[in-house]
Each structure stands twice: as structure tokens, then as C-alpha cells.
C-alpha atoms as a PDB file:
ATOM      1  CA  MET A   1      -8.300 -17.939  12.427  1.00  0.00           C
ATOM      2  CA  ASP A   2      -7.237 -16.489   9.080  1.00  0.00           C
ATOM      3  CA  ARG A   3      -9.925 -13.984   7.565  1.00  0.00           C
ATOM      4  CA  PRO A   4     -10.604 -12.717   4.173  1.00  0.00           C
ATOM      5  CA  ILE A   5      -9.328  -9.141   4.124  1.00  0.00           C
ATOM      6  CA  HIS A   6      -8.967  -8.528   0.148  1.00  0.00           C
ATOM      7  CA  PHE A   7     -10.552  -9.667  -3.000  1.00  0.00           C
ATOM      8  CA  GLU A   8      -9.368  -9.346  -6.839  1.00  0.00           C
ATOM      9  CA  ILE A   9     -11.300  -9.003  -9.906  1.00  0.00           C
ATOM     10  CA  HIS A  10      -9.531  -9.867 -13.094  1.00  0.00           C
ATOM     11  CA  ALA A  11     -10.679  -7.808 -16.148  1.00  0.00           C
ATOM     12  CA  ASP A  12      -9.978  -7.861 -19.615  1.00  0.00           C
ATOM     13  CA  ASP A  13     -10.601  -4.090 -19.810  1.00  0.00           C
ATOM     14  CA  VAL A  14      -9.595  -2.520 -16.409  1.00  0.00           C
ATOM     15  CA  GLN A  15     -11.169   1.027 -17.196  1.00  0.00           C
ATOM     16  CA  ARG A  16     -14.511  -0.613 -18.525  1.00  0.00           C
ATOM     17  CA  ALA A  17     -14.347  -2.944 -15.390  1.00  0.00           C
ATOM     18  CA  GLN A  18     -13.936   0.144 -12.835  1.00  0.00           C
ATOM     19  CA  ALA A  19     -16.835   2.006 -14.872  1.00  0.00           C
ATOM     20  CA  PHE A  20     -19.145  -1.027 -14.058  1.00  0.00           C
ATOM     21  CA  TYR A  21     -18.521  -1.390 -10.431  1.00  0.00           C
ATOM     22  CA  GLU A  22     -18.807   2.590  -9.997  1.00  0.00           C
ATOM     23  CA  ALA A  23     -22.169   2.563 -11.716  1.00  0.00           C
ATOM     24  CA  ALA A  24     -23.503  -0.643 -10.206  1.00  0.00           C
ATOM     25  CA  PHE A  25     -22.406  -0.335  -6.768  1.00  0.00           C
ATOM     26  CA  GLY A  26     -20.842   3.091  -6.177  1.00  0.00           C
ATOM     27  CA  TRP A  27     -17.468   1.782  -5.450  1.00  0.00           C
ATOM     28  CA  THR A  28     -14.506   4.381  -5.689  1.00  0.00           C
ATOM     29  CA  PHE A  29     -11.026   3.435  -6.795  1.00  0.00           C
ATOM     30  CA  GLU A  30      -7.291   4.397  -6.106  1.00  0.00           C
ATOM     31  CA  ASP A  31      -4.476   3.625  -8.827  1.00  0.00           C
ATOM     32  CA  TRP A  32      -2.209   1.308  -7.147  1.00  0.00           C
ATOM     33  CA  THR A  33      -0.558   0.416 -10.463  1.00  0.00           C
ATOM     34  CA  PRO A  34       2.900   1.942  -9.215  1.00  0.00           C
ATOM     35  CA  VAL A  35       2.826  -0.365  -6.144  1.00  0.00           C
ATOM     36  CA  ALA A  36       1.520  -3.648  -8.190  1.00  0.00           C
ATOM     37  CA  GLY A  37       3.591  -3.091 -11.339  1.00  0.00           C
ATOM     38  CA  VAL A  38       0.499  -3.803 -13.235  1.00  0.00           C
ATOM     39  CA  PRO A  39      -2.912  -2.363 -13.995  1.00  0.00           C
ATOM     40  CA  TYR A  40      -4.313  -2.453 -10.440  1.00  0.00           C
ATOM     41  CA  LEU A  41      -7.157  -0.308  -9.045  1.00  0.00           C
ATOM     42  CA  GLY A  42      -7.871  -0.499  -5.370  1.00  0.00           C
ATOM     43  CA  ALA A  43     -11.534  -0.714  -4.823  1.00  0.00           C
ATOM     44  CA  ILE A  44     -13.176   0.982  -1.764  1.00  0.00           C
ATOM     45  CA  THR A  45     -16.209  -0.799  -1.425  1.00  0.00           C
ATOM     46  CA  GLY A  46     -17.646   1.101   1.735  1.00  0.00           C
ATOM     47  CA  ALA A  47     -16.820   3.201   4.707  1.00  0.00           C
ATOM     48  CA  ASP A  48     -14.233   2.015   7.151  1.00  0.00           C
ATOM     49  CA  GLY A  49     -16.070   0.011  10.158  1.00  0.00           C
ATOM     50  CA  SER A  50     -19.063  -1.202   7.942  1.00  0.00           C
ATOM     51  CA  PRO A  51     -19.209  -4.782   6.933  1.00  0.00           C
ATOM     52  CA  GLY A  52     -17.193  -5.968   3.996  1.00  0.00           C
ATOM     53  CA  ILE A  53     -13.991  -5.803   2.555  1.00  0.00           C
ATOM     54  CA  ASN A  54     -12.018  -3.775  -0.171  1.00  0.00           C
ATOM     55  CA  GLY A  55     -10.363  -5.208  -3.152  1.00  0.00           C
ATOM     56  CA  ALA A  56      -8.978  -4.314  -6.459  1.00  0.00           C
ATOM     57  CA  ILE A  57      -9.636  -4.884 -10.319  1.00  0.00           C
ATOM     58  CA  LEU A  58      -6.500  -5.986 -12.113  1.00  0.00           C
ATOM     59  CA  GLN A  59      -5.393  -6.791 -15.693  1.00  0.00           C
ATOM     60  CA  ARG A  60      -6.341 -10.412 -16.591  1.00  0.00           C
ATOM     61  CA  GLY A  61      -3.198 -12.245 -17.400  1.00  0.00           C
ATOM     62  CA  ALA A  62      -4.902 -14.531 -19.762  1.00  0.00           C
ATOM     63  CA  PRO A  63      -8.269 -15.094 -21.606  1.00  0.00           C
ATOM     64  CA  GLY A  64     -11.165 -15.743 -19.647  1.00  0.00           C
ATOM     65  CA  ALA A  65     -13.359 -18.441 -19.907  1.00  0.00           C
ATOM     66  CA  GLY A  66     -16.361 -16.842 -21.190  1.00  0.00           C
ATOM     67  CA  PRO A  67     -20.041 -17.412 -20.836  1.00  0.00           C
ATOM     68  CA  GLY A  68     -21.391 -21.058 -20.068  1.00  0.00           C
ATOM     69  CA  ALA A  69     -18.020 -21.971 -18.661  1.00  0.00           C
ATOM     70  CA  ALA A  70     -17.133 -22.582 -15.186  1.00  0.00           C
ATOM     71  CA  VAL A  71     -17.273 -19.631 -12.665  1.00  0.00           C
ATOM     72  CA  ASN A  72     -14.649 -17.161 -13.597  1.00  0.00           C
ATOM     73  CA  GLY A  73     -14.628 -15.717 -10.055  1.00  0.00           C
ATOM     74  CA  ALA A  74     -12.589 -13.454  -8.057  1.00  0.00           C
ATOM     75  CA  VAL A  75      -9.666 -14.087  -6.076  1.00  0.00           C
ATOM     76  CA  LEU A  76     -10.041 -13.870  -2.515  1.00  0.00           C
ATOM     77  CA  THR A  77      -6.996 -13.140  -0.329  1.00  0.00           C
ATOM     78  CA  MET A  78      -6.667 -13.997   3.433  1.00  0.00           C
ATOM     79  CA  GLY A  79      -4.719 -12.029   5.994  1.00  0.00           C
ATOM     80  CA  VAL A  80      -2.453 -14.199   7.827  1.00  0.00           C
ATOM     81  CA  ASP A  81       0.098 -13.252  10.745  1.00  0.00           C
ATOM     82  CA  ASP A  82       2.806 -15.559   9.647  1.00  0.00           C
ATOM     83  CA  TYR A  83       3.270 -16.060   5.964  1.00  0.00           C
ATOM     84  CA  ASP A  84       5.358 -19.150   5.975  1.00  0.00           C
ATOM     85  CA  SER A  85       3.336 -20.902   8.835  1.00  0.00           C
ATOM     86  CA  ALA A  86       0.199 -20.261   6.872  1.00  0.00           C
ATOM     87  CA  GLU A  87       1.968 -21.687   3.605  1.00  0.00           C
ATOM     88  CA  ARG A  88       2.713 -24.930   5.546  1.00  0.00           C
ATOM     89  CA  ARG A  89      -0.703 -25.404   6.794  1.00  0.00           C
ATOM     90  CA  ILE A  90      -2.056 -24.881   3.073  1.00  0.00           C
ATOM     91  CA  MET A  91       0.393 -27.472   1.584  1.00  0.00           C
ATOM     92  CA  ASP A  92      -0.273 -29.828   4.592  1.00  0.00           C
ATOM     93  CA  ALA A  93      -4.005 -29.517   3.835  1.00  0.00           C
ATOM     94  CA  GLY A  94      -3.399 -30.595   0.131  1.00  0.00           C
ATOM     95  CA  GLY A  95      -2.949 -27.140  -1.262  1.00  0.00           C
ATOM     96  CA  GLU A  96      -0.374 -26.043  -4.293  1.00  0.00           C
ATOM     97  CA  VAL A  97       1.584 -23.076  -5.055  1.00  0.00           C
ATOM     98  CA  ALA A  98       0.177 -21.001  -7.890  1.00  0.00           C
ATOM     99  CA  LEU A  99       2.309 -17.996  -7.792  1.00  0.00           C
ATOM    100  CA  PRO A 100       5.181 -18.119  -4.890  1.00  0.00           C
ATOM    101  CA  LYS A 101       5.759 -15.715  -2.041  1.00  0.00           C
ATOM    102  CA  GLN A 102       6.650 -12.338  -3.072  1.00  0.00           C
ATOM    103  CA  ALA A 103       7.356  -8.746  -1.434  1.00  0.00           C
ATOM    104  CA  ILE A 104       5.037  -6.012  -2.333  1.00  0.00           C
ATOM    105  CA  THR A 105       7.810  -3.599  -1.162  1.00  0.00           C
ATOM    106  CA  GLY A 106       7.191  -1.554   2.038  1.00  0.00           C
ATOM    107  CA  MET A 107       4.017  -3.056   2.369  1.00  0.00           C
ATOM    108  CA  ALA A 108       3.608  -7.123   2.550  1.00  0.00           C
ATOM    109  CA  TRP A 109       4.555 -10.485   1.436  1.00  0.00           C
ATOM    110  CA  GLN A 110       1.756 -12.123  -0.792  1.00  0.00           C
ATOM    111  CA  GLY A 111       1.372 -15.244  -2.809  1.00  0.00           C
ATOM    112  CA  TYR A 112      -1.163 -17.364  -4.370  1.00  0.00           C
ATOM    113  CA  TYR A 113      -2.307 -20.881  -4.113  1.00  0.00           C
ATOM    114  CA  LEU A 114      -4.542 -23.588  -5.433  1.00  0.00           C
ATOM    115  CA  ASP A 115      -7.089 -25.319  -3.290  1.00  0.00           C
ATOM    116  CA  THR A 116      -8.005 -29.032  -3.609  1.00  0.00           C
ATOM    117  CA  GLU A 117     -10.417 -28.203  -6.082  1.00  0.00           C
ATOM    118  CA  GLY A 118      -8.353 -25.935  -8.211  1.00  0.00           C
ATOM    119  CA  ASN A 119      -9.638 -22.621  -6.965  1.00  0.00           C
ATOM    120  CA  VAL A 120      -7.030 -19.612  -6.622  1.00  0.00           C
ATOM    121  CA  PHE A 121      -6.638 -17.819  -3.360  1.00  0.00           C
ATOM    122  CA  GLY A 122      -4.038 -15.466  -1.937  1.00  0.00           C
ATOM    123  CA  ILE A 123      -2.372 -15.023   1.743  1.00  0.00           C
ATOM    124  CA  HIS A 124      -1.008 -11.706   2.822  1.00  0.00           C
ATOM    125  CA  GLN A 125       1.046 -10.980   5.554  1.00  0.00           C
ATOM    126  CA  ARG A 126       1.730  -7.139   6.498  1.00  0.00           C
ATOM    127  CA  ASP A 127       5.321  -6.341   6.704  1.00  0.00           C
ATOM    128  CA  GLU A 128       6.686  -2.668   6.053  1.00  0.00           C
ATOM    129  CA  ASN A 129      10.257  -4.172   5.504  1.00  0.00           C
ATOM    130  CA  ALA A 130       9.098  -6.418   2.696  1.00  0.00           C
ATOM    131  CA  LYS A 131      11.574  -6.038  -0.197  1.00  0.00           C
END
């Protein structure tokens, strides 16, 4: 089974969101902007070995829906062993490509998809040779 390994919270103001999550939950952050190429703060949500997953806050790419709209939500990313096989399963199950497979240089392959309900999610295959 492929499990959730990462989440992304999209924010209009990345520093404001960082301050909120630090104050509300005690999360700490690492600046991963150089790797991502956009404002991107890695969120450490707890000690290694404790329940839960880590994630990130990143710059929102377009205006959010606002109060009273459908859920604005975060993006959940699943860790997979074989990116291309996972993508085939997603497509066969009725999913669609939202953002195609791309290399996170020296780290992994990442892509984003829409489920049958229009929700965005990611898949991530570790690969130090990705480029």
C-alpha cells in the first residue's frame, strides 16, 4: 500500500502562515525554497518516530476560494515505490494529471493528480538520481 508521507498547505502569505503554525502547534520550519524554486518552508510537526507526518507551506499559485466556499484544503502526497506504475493505477481508476511528473533534482520524482472528485493529491518516488 502507498501511504501519506507529506502534506502541503498553500498560503497567500508564507511567513504569516509559518507564524500561525508555529504559535498554534509548535511546528518548526526549514527553508526549502532553493530546492523547490518557489517560496517553500518544510514543516517539522513532531519528533521522528512519533505518529504523524511532516509537510510544507508554500506560496499559493492563485487566489483561494475564501470563507463559505468549498474546502480550501491542503495537498496530501503519497510515497510510492514506482512512480510510473502508480500513475497508471491512478489513471486506470479515473484520475487525471494536474501537474505532470517532474524531478526534484537529487531527491525524487513528484507529480500531482485529480481524484474522481476533483481533489488534488501528489505522488512522490524517492530517487537521488532524479534530474
